[in-house]
Every structure is written in structure tokens, then in C-alpha cells.
Amino acid sequence: MPAIKIVIFVLLALIISIFAVKNLDLVEVSFYDFGLNSVNVKVPLLIVILASLGLGFLLAWVEGVFAKMKLKATIHSKQKTIDSLNREIAELKSKSLPELTEKNDP
């Protein structure tokens, strides 16, 4: 199994290297700075693509972390409800049957 991982890693590295060599052309990126002035910068296309990919990955990861935290909070809330209901069941089971029938008789 480790040999397969090495082969896959080498293939991915080769594909990324070819991609990097093919995308060295400069592109102009325009954005606004904090003073709302337009700024134009020339950067290699590879950097633009990798930055976009990295930003997308980061945003997806952050959203995943928040979703996981929300699910953990929901699980904790449901577990508290389950524990409360289990205590109530145990309490009701511990009462004797005559006590229950006396309370229900008018």
C-alpha cells in the first residue's frame, strides 16, 4: 500500500510541475486598496490559480469547522434530553405499582 501512495504522490507532483511550467505567463490583477484606489499588479498565472484554490480550500475548511461545532452542540443538547428522560424513566420504574394506581384513581 505505501508503494501506491508514493506512485500517486509522484504522479501528482509531476502533473503540478507540468501545470506550473505551462502557466508562467504574467497576468494583470486589479484590486482596490484600503484607500479605495485601484491597484494593478502583474503576477504569474500560476500564483493567481493557486491563491484562488487556497482561498477556496480555506473557506470550505472554515465552514466545515463551524458545521462541526454546530453538530456537536446539537448532539450535546440531545444527549442532555436523553439523560433527563432516562432519569425520569428510572424514577418512574422505582415507584411501586400501588402508588401509581392510587394516584390515578379519582
PDB file of N, CA and C in Angstrom:
ATOM      1  N   MET A   1       0.810  -1.207   0.000  1.00  0.00           N
ATOM      2  CA  MET A   1       0.000   0.000   0.000  1.00  0.00           C
ATOM      3  C   MET A   1       0.854   1.272   0.000  1.00  0.00           C
ATOM      4  N   PRO A   2       1.954   1.332   0.767  1.00  0.00           N
ATOM      5  CA  PRO A   2       2.784   2.539   0.724  1.00  0.00           C
ATOM      6  C   PRO A   2       3.348   2.805  -0.676  1.00  0.00           C
ATOM      7  N   ALA A   3       3.609   1.749  -1.452  1.00  0.00           N
ATOM      8  CA  ALA A   3       4.136   1.944  -2.802  1.00  0.00           C
ATOM      9  C   ALA A   3       3.116   2.663  -3.677  1.00  0.00           C
ATOM     10  N   ILE A   4       1.848   2.343  -3.504  1.00  0.00           N
ATOM     11  CA  ILE A   4       0.795   3.002  -4.276  1.00  0.00           C
ATOM     12  C   ILE A   4       0.738   4.484  -3.916  1.00  0.00           C
ATOM     13  N   LYS A   5       0.876   4.793  -2.637  1.00  0.00           N
ATOM     14  CA  LYS A   5       0.859   6.193  -2.207  1.00  0.00           C
ATOM     15  C   LYS A   5       2.023   6.964  -2.817  1.00  0.00           C
ATOM     16  N   ILE A   6       3.182   6.340  -2.877  1.00  0.00           N
ATOM     17  CA  ILE A   6       4.357   7.001  -3.450  1.00  0.00           C
ATOM     18  C   ILE A   6       4.142   7.259  -4.936  1.00  0.00           C
ATOM     19  N   VAL A   7       3.611   6.265  -5.643  1.00  0.00           N
ATOM     20  CA  VAL A   7       3.355   6.428  -7.079  1.00  0.00           C
ATOM     21  C   VAL A   7       2.344   7.549  -7.315  1.00  0.00           C
ATOM     22  N   ILE A   8       1.275   7.571  -6.534  1.00  0.00           N
ATOM     23  CA  ILE A   8       0.260   8.622  -6.678  1.00  0.00           C
ATOM     24  C   ILE A   8       0.863   9.987  -6.367  1.00  0.00           C
ATOM     25  N   PHE A   9       1.680  10.067  -5.319  1.00  0.00           N
ATOM     26  CA  PHE A   9       2.326  11.329  -4.956  1.00  0.00           C
ATOM     27  C   PHE A   9       3.242  11.816  -6.080  1.00  0.00           C
ATOM     28  N   VAL A  10       4.032  10.916  -6.657  1.00  0.00           N
ATOM     29  CA  VAL A  10       4.945  11.291  -7.742  1.00  0.00           C
ATOM     30  C   VAL A  10       4.151  11.755  -8.966  1.00  0.00           C
ATOM     31  N   LEU A  11       3.064  11.051  -9.284  1.00  0.00           N
ATOM     32  CA  LEU A  11       2.232  11.463 -10.419  1.00  0.00           C
ATOM     33  C   LEU A  11       1.617  12.844 -10.190  1.00  0.00           C
ATOM     34  N   LEU A  12       1.110  13.084  -8.992  1.00  0.00           N
ATOM     35  CA  LEU A  12       0.548  14.402  -8.680  1.00  0.00           C
ATOM     36  C   LEU A  12       1.616  15.488  -8.754  1.00  0.00           C
ATOM     37  N   ALA A  13       2.803  15.204  -8.235  1.00  0.00           N
ATOM     38  CA  ALA A  13       3.896  16.177  -8.293  1.00  0.00           C
ATOM     39  C   ALA A  13       4.274  16.474  -9.742  1.00  0.00           C
ATOM     40  N   LEU A  14       4.279  15.451 -10.584  1.00  0.00           N
ATOM     41  CA  LEU A  14       4.594  15.634 -11.997  1.00  0.00           C
ATOM     42  C   LEU A  14       3.526  16.483 -12.690  1.00  0.00           C
ATOM     43  N   ILE A  15       2.265  16.192 -12.407  1.00  0.00           N
ATOM     44  CA  ILE A  15       1.168  16.961 -13.007  1.00  0.00           C
ATOM     45  C   ILE A  15       1.229  18.416 -12.562  1.00  0.00           C
ATOM     46  N   ILE A  16       1.484  18.646 -11.287  1.00  0.00           N
ATOM     47  CA  ILE A  16       1.579  20.018 -10.771  1.00  0.00           C
ATOM     48  C   ILE A  16       2.775  20.742 -11.383  1.00  0.00           C
ATOM     49  N   SER A  17       3.891  20.042 -11.554  1.00  0.00           N
ATOM     50  CA  SER A  17       5.076  20.657 -12.163  1.00  0.00           C
ATOM     51  C   SER A  17       4.804  21.064 -13.607  1.00  0.00           C
ATOM     52  N   ILE A  18       4.167  20.174 -14.361  1.00  0.00           N
ATOM     53  CA  ILE A  18       3.828  20.498 -15.752  1.00  0.00           C
ATOM     54  C   ILE A  18       2.869  21.682 -15.791  1.00  0.00           C
ATOM     55  N   PHE A  19       1.885  21.665 -14.911  1.00  0.00           N
ATOM     56  CA  PHE A  19       0.919  22.763 -14.827  1.00  0.00           C
ATOM     57  C   PHE A  19       1.636  24.073 -14.513  1.00  0.00           C
ATOM     58  N   ALA A  20       2.595  24.033 -13.594  1.00  0.00           N
ATOM     59  CA  ALA A  20       3.321  25.244 -13.202  1.00  0.00           C
ATOM     60  C   ALA A  20       4.144  25.791 -14.366  1.00  0.00           C
ATOM     61  N   VAL A  21       4.802  24.920 -15.100  1.00  0.00           N
ATOM     62  CA  VAL A  21       5.635  25.362 -16.222  1.00  0.00           C
ATOM     63  C   VAL A  21       4.778  25.964 -17.334  1.00  0.00           C
ATOM     64  N   LYS A  22       3.606  25.395 -17.554  1.00  0.00           N
ATOM     65  CA  LYS A  22       2.725  25.875 -18.620  1.00  0.00           C
ATOM     66  C   LYS A  22       2.015  27.180 -18.258  1.00  0.00           C
ATOM     67  N   ASN A  23       1.964  27.546 -16.993  1.00  0.00           N
ATOM     68  CA  ASN A  23       1.212  28.729 -16.563  1.00  0.00           C
ATOM     69  C   ASN A  23       2.106  29.785 -15.919  1.00  0.00           C
ATOM     70  N   LEU A  24       3.232  30.066 -16.548  1.00  0.00           N
ATOM     71  CA  LEU A  24       4.141  31.083 -16.028  1.00  0.00           C
ATOM     72  C   LEU A  24       3.884  32.463 -16.625  1.00  0.00           C
ATOM     73  N   ASP A  25       2.939  32.582 -17.541  1.00  0.00           N
ATOM     74  CA  ASP A  25       2.633  33.876 -18.153  1.00  0.00           C
ATOM     75  C   ASP A  25       2.164  34.857 -17.087  1.00  0.00           C
ATOM     76  N   LEU A  26       2.516  36.127 -17.298  1.00  0.00           N
ATOM     77  CA  LEU A  26       2.083  37.166 -16.366  1.00  0.00           C
ATOM     78  C   LEU A  26       0.669  37.615 -16.710  1.00  0.00           C
ATOM     79  N   VAL A  27      -0.133  37.783 -15.683  1.00  0.00           N
ATOM     80  CA  VAL A  27      -1.483  38.323 -15.856  1.00  0.00           C
ATOM     81  C   VAL A  27      -1.615  39.531 -14.944  1.00  0.00           C
ATOM     82  N   GLU A  28      -2.491  40.434 -15.335  1.00  0.00           N
ATOM     83  CA  GLU A  28      -2.689  41.642 -14.540  1.00  0.00           C
ATOM     84  C   GLU A  28      -3.880  41.439 -13.612  1.00  0.00           C
ATOM     85  N   VAL A  29      -3.641  41.646 -12.336  1.00  0.00           N
ATOM     86  CA  VAL A  29      -4.690  41.521 -11.329  1.00  0.00           C
ATOM     87  C   VAL A  29      -4.991  42.921 -10.808  1.00  0.00           C
ATOM     88  N   SER A  30      -6.265  43.298 -10.852  1.00  0.00           N
ATOM     89  CA  SER A  30      -6.688  44.616 -10.371  1.00  0.00           C
ATOM     90  C   SER A  30      -7.494  44.454  -9.098  1.00  0.00           C
ATOM     91  N   PHE A  31      -7.231  45.330  -8.150  1.00  0.00           N
ATOM     92  CA  PHE A  31      -7.996  45.319  -6.902  1.00  0.00           C
ATOM     93  C   PHE A  31      -7.947  46.713  -6.299  1.00  0.00           C
ATOM     94  N   TYR A  32      -8.770  46.920  -5.284  1.00  0.00           N
ATOM     95  CA  TYR A  32      -8.799  48.200  -4.579  1.00  0.00           C
ATOM     96  C   TYR A  32      -8.078  48.056  -3.250  1.00  0.00           C
ATOM     97  N   ASP A  33      -7.248  49.062  -2.929  1.00  0.00           N
ATOM     98  CA  ASP A  33      -6.575  49.035  -1.633  1.00  0.00           C
ATOM     99  C   ASP A  33      -7.485  49.668  -0.585  1.00  0.00           C
ATOM    100  N   PHE A  34      -6.967  49.880   0.611  1.00  0.00           N
ATOM    101  CA  PHE A  34      -7.784  50.400   1.709  1.00  0.00           C
ATOM    102  C   PHE A  34      -8.237  51.839   1.485  1.00  0.00           C
ATOM    103  N   GLY A  35      -7.527  52.567   0.652  1.00  0.00           N
ATOM    104  CA  GLY A  35      -7.927  53.933   0.331  1.00  0.00           C
ATOM    105  C   GLY A  35      -8.854  53.986  -0.871  1.00  0.00           C
ATOM    106  N   LEU A  36      -9.352  52.839  -1.293  1.00  0.00           N
ATOM    107  CA  LEU A  36     -10.231  52.695  -2.455  1.00  0.00           C
ATOM    108  C   LEU A  36      -9.585  53.207  -3.738  1.00  0.00           C
ATOM    109  N   ASN A  37      -8.278  53.038  -3.824  1.00  0.00           N
ATOM    110  CA  ASN A  37      -7.549  53.364  -5.039  1.00  0.00           C
ATOM    111  C   ASN A  37      -7.337  52.077  -5.824  1.00  0.00           C
ATOM    112  N   SER A  38      -7.504  52.140  -7.124  1.00  0.00           N
ATOM    113  CA  SER A  38      -7.325  50.965  -7.966  1.00  0.00           C
ATOM    114  C   SER A  38      -5.835  50.640  -8.077  1.00  0.00           C
ATOM    115  N   VAL A  39      -5.510  49.382  -7.869  1.00  0.00           N
ATOM    116  CA  VAL A  39      -4.122  48.936  -7.946  1.00  0.00           C
ATOM    117  C   VAL A  39      -4.054  47.793  -8.953  1.00  0.00           C
ATOM    118  N   ASN A  40      -3.086  47.861  -9.858  1.00  0.00           N
ATOM    119  CA  ASN A  40      -2.873  46.800 -10.846  1.00  0.00           C
ATOM    120  C   ASN A  40      -1.523  46.160 -10.578  1.00  0.00           C
ATOM    121  N   VAL A  41      -1.511  44.841 -10.504  1.00  0.00           N
ATOM    122  CA  VAL A  41      -0.283  44.105 -10.235  1.00  0.00           C
ATOM    123  C   VAL A  41      -0.163  42.991 -11.259  1.00  0.00           C
ATOM    124  N   LYS A  42       1.044  42.788 -11.776  1.00  0.00           N
ATOM    125  CA  LYS A  42       1.275  41.679 -12.701  1.00  0.00           C
ATOM    126  C   LYS A  42       1.915  40.534 -11.918  1.00  0.00           C
ATOM    127  N   VAL A  43       1.249  39.385 -11.970  1.00  0.00           N
ATOM    128  CA  VAL A  43       1.737  38.189 -11.275  1.00  0.00           C
ATOM    129  C   VAL A  43       1.602  36.998 -12.211  1.00  0.00           C
ATOM    130  N   PRO A  44       2.393  35.954 -11.978  1.00  0.00           N
ATOM    131  CA  PRO A  44       2.250  34.749 -12.807  1.00  0.00           C
ATOM    132  C   PRO A  44       0.858  34.121 -12.631  1.00  0.00           C
ATOM    133  N   LEU A  45       0.341  33.582 -13.716  1.00  0.00           N
ATOM    134  CA  LEU A  45      -0.979  32.960 -13.699  1.00  0.00           C
ATOM    135  C   LEU A  45      -1.035  31.837 -12.670  1.00  0.00           C
ATOM    136  N   LEU A  46       0.049  31.115 -12.517  1.00  0.00           N
ATOM    137  CA  LEU A  46       0.101  30.023 -11.545  1.00  0.00           C
ATOM    138  C   LEU A  46      -0.204  30.527 -10.140  1.00  0.00           C
ATOM    139  N   ILE A  47       0.337  31.682  -9.776  1.00  0.00           N
ATOM    140  CA  ILE A  47       0.103  32.251  -8.443  1.00  0.00           C
ATOM    141  C   ILE A  47      -1.368  32.600  -8.266  1.00  0.00           C
ATOM    142  N   VAL A  48      -1.983  33.163  -9.299  1.00  0.00           N
ATOM    143  CA  VAL A  48      -3.406  33.519  -9.227  1.00  0.00           C
ATOM    144  C   VAL A  48      -4.248  32.260  -9.036  1.00  0.00           C
ATOM    145  N   ILE A  49      -3.940  31.223  -9.795  1.00  0.00           N
ATOM    146  CA  ILE A  49      -4.704  29.973  -9.695  1.00  0.00           C
ATOM    147  C   ILE A  49      -4.518  29.339  -8.322  1.00  0.00           C
ATOM    148  N   LEU A  50      -3.272  29.258  -7.859  1.00  0.00           N
ATOM    149  CA  LEU A  50      -3.015  28.635  -6.553  1.00  0.00           C
ATOM    150  C   LEU A  50      -3.613  29.447  -5.407  1.00  0.00           C
ATOM    151  N   ALA A  51      -3.569  30.778  -5.520  1.00  0.00           N
ATOM    152  CA  ALA A  51      -4.169  31.616  -4.476  1.00  0.00           C
ATOM    153  C   ALA A  51      -5.683  31.417  -4.437  1.00  0.00           C
ATOM    154  N   SER A  52      -6.307  31.337  -5.598  1.00  0.00           N
ATOM    155  CA  SER A  52      -7.754  31.100  -5.653  1.00  0.00           C
ATOM    156  C   SER A  52      -8.097  29.732  -5.071  1.00  0.00           C
ATOM    157  N   LEU A  53      -7.317  28.739  -5.429  1.00  0.00           N
ATOM    158  CA  LEU A  53      -7.528  27.391  -4.905  1.00  0.00           C
ATOM    159  C   LEU A  53      -7.347  27.366  -3.389  1.00  0.00           C
ATOM    160  N   GLY A  54      -6.298  28.013  -2.912  1.00  0.00           N
ATOM    161  CA  GLY A  54      -6.042  28.054  -1.469  1.00  0.00           C
ATOM    162  C   GLY A  54      -7.130  28.784  -0.704  1.00  0.00           C
ATOM    163  N   LEU A  55      -7.598  29.903  -1.243  1.00  0.00           N
ATOM    164  CA  LEU A  55      -8.664  30.659  -0.588  1.00  0.00           C
ATOM    165  C   LEU A  55      -9.958  29.848  -0.553  1.00  0.00           C
ATOM    166  N   GLY A  56     -10.272  29.174  -1.638  1.00  0.00           N
ATOM    167  CA  GLY A  56     -11.464  28.324  -1.666  1.00  0.00           C
ATOM    168  C   GLY A  56     -11.367  27.190  -0.666  1.00  0.00           C
ATOM    169  N   PHE A  57     -10.194  26.571  -0.581  1.00  0.00           N
ATOM    170  CA  PHE A  57      -9.981  25.497   0.388  1.00  0.00           C
ATOM    171  C   PHE A  57     -10.138  26.023   1.808  1.00  0.00           C
ATOM    172  N   LEU A  58      -9.569  27.187   2.083  1.00  0.00           N
ATOM    173  CA  LEU A  58      -9.649  27.774   3.420  1.00  0.00           C
ATOM    174  C   LEU A  58     -11.093  28.086   3.800  1.00  0.00           C
ATOM    175  N   LEU A  59     -11.846  28.675   2.885  1.00  0.00           N
ATOM    176  CA  LEU A  59     -13.249  28.990   3.166  1.00  0.00           C
ATOM    177  C   LEU A  59     -14.066  27.724   3.410  1.00  0.00           C
ATOM    178  N   ALA A  60     -13.834  26.693   2.612  1.00  0.00           N
ATOM    179  CA  ALA A  60     -14.558  25.432   2.796  1.00  0.00           C
ATOM    180  C   ALA A  60     -14.194  24.801   4.136  1.00  0.00           C
ATOM    181  N   TRP A  61     -12.920  24.881   4.519  1.00  0.00           N
ATOM    182  CA  TRP A  61     -12.483  24.303   5.791  1.00  0.00           C
ATOM    183  C   TRP A  61     -13.127  25.039   6.971  1.00  0.00           C
ATOM    184  N   VAL A  62     -13.143  26.376   6.907  1.00  0.00           N
ATOM    185  CA  VAL A  62     -13.748  27.166   7.988  1.00  0.00           C
ATOM    186  C   VAL A  62     -15.235  26.842   8.106  1.00  0.00           C
ATOM    187  N   GLU A  63     -15.926  26.744   6.978  1.00  0.00           N
ATOM    188  CA  GLU A  63     -17.350  26.399   7.004  1.00  0.00           C
ATOM    189  C   GLU A  63     -17.544  25.012   7.601  1.00  0.00           C
ATOM    190  N   GLY A  64     -16.660  24.090   7.278  1.00  0.00           N
ATOM    191  CA  GLY A  64     -16.732  22.742   7.839  1.00  0.00           C
ATOM    192  C   GLY A  64     -16.527  22.736   9.346  1.00  0.00           C
ATOM    193  N   VAL A  65     -15.611  23.562   9.818  1.00  0.00           N
ATOM    194  CA  VAL A  65     -15.368  23.654  11.262  1.00  0.00           C
ATOM    195  C   VAL A  65     -16.611  24.183  11.972  1.00  0.00           C
ATOM    196  N   PHE A  66     -17.234  25.222  11.411  1.00  0.00           N
ATOM    197  CA  PHE A  66     -18.448  25.761  12.029  1.00  0.00           C
ATOM    198  C   PHE A  66     -19.588  24.749  12.000  1.00  0.00           C
ATOM    199  N   ALA A  67     -19.720  24.017  10.902  1.00  0.00           N
ATOM    200  CA  ALA A  67     -20.771  22.994  10.815  1.00  0.00           C
ATOM    201  C   ALA A  67     -20.530  21.900  11.853  1.00  0.00           C
ATOM    202  N   LYS A  68     -19.268  21.526  12.040  1.00  0.00           N
ATOM    203  CA  LYS A  68     -18.932  20.503  13.032  1.00  0.00           C
ATOM    204  C   LYS A  68     -19.250  20.997  14.442  1.00  0.00           C
ATOM    205  N   MET A  69     -18.936  22.265  14.722  1.00  0.00           N
ATOM    206  CA  MET A  69     -19.240  22.819  16.044  1.00  0.00           C
ATOM    207  C   MET A  69     -20.747  22.848  16.282  1.00  0.00           C
ATOM    208  N   LYS A  70     -21.508  23.199  15.254  1.00  0.00           N
ATOM    209  CA  LYS A  70     -22.963  23.241  15.376  1.00  0.00           C
ATOM    210  C   LYS A  70     -23.512  21.839  15.647  1.00  0.00           C
ATOM    211  N   LEU A  71     -22.989  20.850  14.942  1.00  0.00           N
ATOM    212  CA  LEU A  71     -23.434  19.472  15.160  1.00  0.00           C
ATOM    213  C   LEU A  71     -23.087  18.984  16.562  1.00  0.00           C
ATOM    214  N   LYS A  72     -21.906  19.338  17.049  1.00  0.00           N
ATOM    215  CA  LYS A  72     -21.526  18.945  18.410  1.00  0.00           C
ATOM    216  C   LYS A  72     -22.456  19.575  19.433  1.00  0.00           C
ATOM    217  N   ALA A  73     -22.837  20.836  19.222  1.00  0.00           N
ATOM    218  CA  ALA A  73     -23.766  21.498  20.140  1.00  0.00           C
ATOM    219  C   ALA A  73     -25.126  20.812  20.104  1.00  0.00           C
ATOM    220  N   THR A  74     -25.583  20.433  18.925  1.00  0.00           N
ATOM    221  CA  THR A  74     -26.858  19.729  18.796  1.00  0.00           C
ATOM    222  C   THR A  74     -26.796  18.378  19.494  1.00  0.00           C
ATOM    223  N   ILE A  75     -25.707  17.659  19.305  1.00  0.00           N
ATOM    224  CA  ILE A  75     -25.541  16.356  19.958  1.00  0.00           C
ATOM    225  C   ILE A  75     -25.543  16.523  21.470  1.00  0.00           C
ATOM    226  N   HIS A  76     -24.845  17.542  21.962  1.00  0.00           N
ATOM    227  CA  HIS A  76     -24.797  17.785  23.408  1.00  0.00           C
ATOM    228  C   HIS A  76     -26.197  18.072  23.947  1.00  0.00           C
ATOM    229  N   SER A  77     -26.961  18.887  23.238  1.00  0.00           N
ATOM    230  CA  SER A  77     -28.326  19.212  23.657  1.00  0.00           C
ATOM    231  C   SER A  77     -29.204  17.964  23.665  1.00  0.00           C
ATOM    232  N   LYS A  78     -29.104  17.170  22.627  1.00  0.00           N
ATOM    233  CA  LYS A  78     -29.908  15.939  22.552  1.00  0.00           C
ATOM    234  C   LYS A  78     -29.498  14.957  23.644  1.00  0.00           C
ATOM    235  N   GLN A  79     -28.201  14.897  23.943  1.00  0.00           N
ATOM    236  CA  GLN A  79     -27.732  13.988  24.992  1.00  0.00           C
ATOM    237  C   GLN A  79     -28.270  14.411  26.354  1.00  0.00           C
ATOM    238  N   LYS A  80     -28.335  15.722  26.604  1.00  0.00           N
ATOM    239  CA  LYS A  80     -28.912  16.200  27.861  1.00  0.00           C
ATOM    240  C   LYS A  80     -30.378  15.796  27.960  1.00  0.00           C
ATOM    241  N   THR A  81     -31.113  15.901  26.855  1.00  0.00           N
ATOM    242  CA  THR A  81     -32.519  15.490  26.839  1.00  0.00           C
ATOM    243  C   THR A  81     -32.642  13.997  27.097  1.00  0.00           C
ATOM    244  N   ILE A  82     -31.793  13.204  26.473  1.00  0.00           N
ATOM    245  CA  ILE A  82     -31.813  11.749  26.675  1.00  0.00           C
ATOM    246  C   ILE A  82     -31.526  11.412  28.125  1.00  0.00           C
ATOM    247  N   ASP A  83     -30.518  12.049  28.710  1.00  0.00           N
ATOM    248  CA  ASP A  83     -30.182  11.790  30.113  1.00  0.00           C
ATOM    249  C   ASP A  83     -31.344  12.152  31.030  1.00  0.00           C
ATOM    250  N   SER A  84     -31.983  13.277  30.763  1.00  0.00           N
ATOM    251  CA  SER A  84     -33.126  13.702  31.571  1.00  0.00           C
ATOM    252  C   SER A  84     -34.265  12.693  31.466  1.00  0.00           C
ATOM    253  N   LEU A  85     -34.554  12.241  30.269  1.00  0.00           N
ATOM    254  CA  LEU A  85     -35.628  11.263  30.081  1.00  0.00           C
ATOM    255  C   LEU A  85     -35.280   9.918  30.709  1.00  0.00           C
ATOM    256  N   ASN A  86     -34.013   9.522  30.638  1.00  0.00           N
ATOM    257  CA  ASN A  86     -33.596   8.266  31.283  1.00  0.00           C
ATOM    258  C   ASN A  86     -33.740   8.356  32.797  1.00  0.00           C
ATOM    259  N   ARG A  87     -33.414   9.522  33.373  1.00  0.00           N
ATOM    260  CA  ARG A  87     -33.607   9.695  34.814  1.00  0.00           C
ATOM    261  C   ARG A  87     -35.090   9.612  35.166  1.00  0.00           C
ATOM    262  N   GLU A  88     -35.925  10.212  34.341  1.00  0.00           N
ATOM    263  CA  GLU A  88     -37.366  10.167  34.582  1.00  0.00           C
ATOM    264  C   GLU A  88     -37.891   8.735  34.481  1.00  0.00           C
ATOM    265  N   ILE A  89     -37.411   7.979  33.524  1.00  0.00           N
ATOM    266  CA  ILE A  89     -37.819   6.571  33.390  1.00  0.00           C
ATOM    267  C   ILE A  89     -37.395   5.778  34.611  1.00  0.00           C
ATOM    268  N   ALA A  90     -36.155   5.978  35.060  1.00  0.00           N
ATOM    269  CA  ALA A  90     -35.667   5.257  36.237  1.00  0.00           C
ATOM    270  C   ALA A  90     -36.486   5.620  37.466  1.00  0.00           C
ATOM    271  N   GLU A  91     -36.834   6.890  37.587  1.00  0.00           N
ATOM    272  CA  GLU A  91     -37.648   7.338  38.722  1.00  0.00           C
ATOM    273  C   GLU A  91     -39.032   6.695  38.685  1.00  0.00           C
ATOM    274  N   LEU A  92     -39.623   6.638  37.515  1.00  0.00           N
ATOM    275  CA  LEU A  92     -40.947   6.031  37.389  1.00  0.00           C
ATOM    276  C   LEU A  92     -40.905   4.523  37.622  1.00  0.00           C
ATOM    277  N   LYS A  93     -39.826   3.872  37.207  1.00  0.00           N
ATOM    278  CA  LYS A  93     -39.696   2.430  37.434  1.00  0.00           C
ATOM    279  C   LYS A  93     -39.491   2.118  38.907  1.00  0.00           C
ATOM    280  N   SER A  94     -38.857   3.037  39.622  1.00  0.00           N
ATOM    281  CA  SER A  94     -38.561   2.779  41.034  1.00  0.00           C
ATOM    282  C   SER A  94     -39.808   2.889  41.908  1.00  0.00           C
ATOM    283  N   LYS A  95     -40.805   3.603  41.443  1.00  0.00           N
ATOM    284  CA  LYS A  95     -42.043   3.713  42.218  1.00  0.00           C
ATOM    285  C   LYS A  95     -42.782   2.381  42.139  1.00  0.00           C
ATOM    286  N   SER A  96     -43.432   2.042  43.216  1.00  0.00           N
ATOM    287  CA  SER A  96     -44.176   0.776  43.212  1.00  0.00           C
ATOM    288  C   SER A  96     -45.485   0.946  42.466  1.00  0.00           C
ATOM    289  N   LEU A  97     -46.012  -0.127  41.970  1.00  0.00           N
ATOM    290  CA  LEU A  97     -47.246  -0.101  41.200  1.00  0.00           C
ATOM    291  C   LEU A  97     -48.434   0.393  42.006  1.00  0.00           C
ATOM    292  N   PRO A  98     -48.605   0.028  43.276  1.00  0.00           N
ATOM    293  CA  PRO A  98     -49.757   0.543  44.029  1.00  0.00           C
ATOM    294  C   PRO A  98     -49.742   2.063  44.156  1.00  0.00           C
ATOM    295  N   GLU A  99     -48.581   2.659  44.307  1.00  0.00           N
ATOM    296  CA  GLU A  99     -48.517   4.117  44.411  1.00  0.00           C
ATOM    297  C   GLU A  99     -49.027   4.762  43.132  1.00  0.00           C
ATOM    298  N   LEU A 100     -48.696   4.185  42.009  1.00  0.00           N
ATOM    299  CA  LEU A 100     -49.136   4.735  40.737  1.00  0.00           C
ATOM    300  C   LEU A 100     -50.643   4.587  40.568  1.00  0.00           C
ATOM    301  N   THR A 101     -51.187   3.445  40.978  1.00  0.00           N
ATOM    302  CA  THR A 101     -52.630   3.244  40.809  1.00  0.00           C
ATOM    303  C   THR A 101     -53.420   4.116  41.772  1.00  0.00           C
ATOM    304  N   GLU A 102     -52.889   4.354  42.975  1.00  0.00           N
ATOM    305  CA  GLU A 102     -53.579   5.222  43.929  1.00  0.00           C
ATOM    306  C   GLU A 102     -53.648   6.654  43.409  1.00  0.00           C
ATOM    307  N   LYS A 103     -52.608   7.111  42.770  1.00  0.00           N
ATOM    308  CA  LYS A 103     -52.590   8.478  42.246  1.00  0.00           C
ATOM    309  C   LYS A 103     -53.550   8.624  41.070  1.00  0.00           C
ATOM    310  N   ASN A 104     -53.742   7.572  40.303  1.00  0.00           N
ATOM    311  CA  ASN A 104     -54.607   7.643  39.127  1.00  0.00           C
ATOM    312  C   ASN A 104     -56.082   7.447  39.458  1.00  0.00           C
ATOM    313  N   ASP A 105     -56.431   6.864  40.620  1.00  0.00           N
ATOM    314  CA  ASP A 105     -57.835   6.666  40.991  1.00  0.00           C
ATOM    315  C   ASP A 105     -58.433   7.987  41.458  1.00  0.00           C
ATOM    316  N   PRO A 106     -59.663   8.315  40.971  1.00  0.00           N
ATOM    317  CA  PRO A 106     -60.289   9.575  41.400  1.00  0.00           C
ATOM    318  C   PRO A 106     -60.927   9.483  42.750  1.00  0.00           C
TER     319      PRO A 106
END
